[in-house]
C-alpha cells in the first residue's frame, strides 16, 4: 500500500507541473485541468491545494522569486570586484532562465499583465530588486574607478536588465538555438566596455565649410 503524499509534496508537484506546462503550452493556454492530469489528480483534487487558479500562479511566482533570490545571494561575493560581481549576477540570472524557460513566457503573458494583479506585482517587485542590486554594484564600480562616473547607476542598471530581458526573448523566439550564457556574457562585456571607456562629454563642434 502506497503512502499518501503530504499536502506540501503535492503543492510542490503542482507548481513544478505548472512551470513545465507553462513552457510547453504557454501561460495563457495553461488550464488547471491540464495541470491536474499531469500530476495524477482530478481538478477538484487540485483545487483542494489551490482554491483558485490565481493562488496557483502566486505560488509559481513565489517559487521563481525564491530561486532568483537564492541565486542572487549566492552570486554576491565581496572578495570580488564590483564589475566581477555584476558578471556573476547576470550569469546567475541567465542560468536560471535557461533552467526554467517558462520565465520569459510568463513575464510577457496576458496572465501576468491583465488577468492576475498579484502575479504582476510579484514579478514587478522581483525585477525592482534585481535592478537595485545591479545599480548598487554599478555605483561601487564607479567609486572603485572600474567604470566611468558620467552616468547614473540606475540608468546603467536599466540597460543591463534590458540586455537580459531582450536576450531571453530572442532566445525563446529562436527556439533556444544558441547558448544563453555564452551570448549573454559576450554582450555584457560589450556593455561594460562602453561604461568604462573615457569619452569627451563636450566634443568640439564640427567645422562648417564656407
Foldseek 3Di string as FASTA:
>chain_A
DDDDDDLVVVLVLLLVLLLVVCLVPNNVPDDLCVSQVVSVHHSVVVCVSPVDVLSNLLVNLVVLLVQLVVQLVVLDDPVDALVSSLLSSLLSVLVSCVVRVSVLRCQPDCCQVPNHVSNVVSVVVSVVVQLVSQLVSVVRCCVVLQFPDPDHSSVLSVVLVCLSSVLSVVCVVVVNPDRRSVVSSVVVVVSSVVRHDDDDPCDDDDDDDD
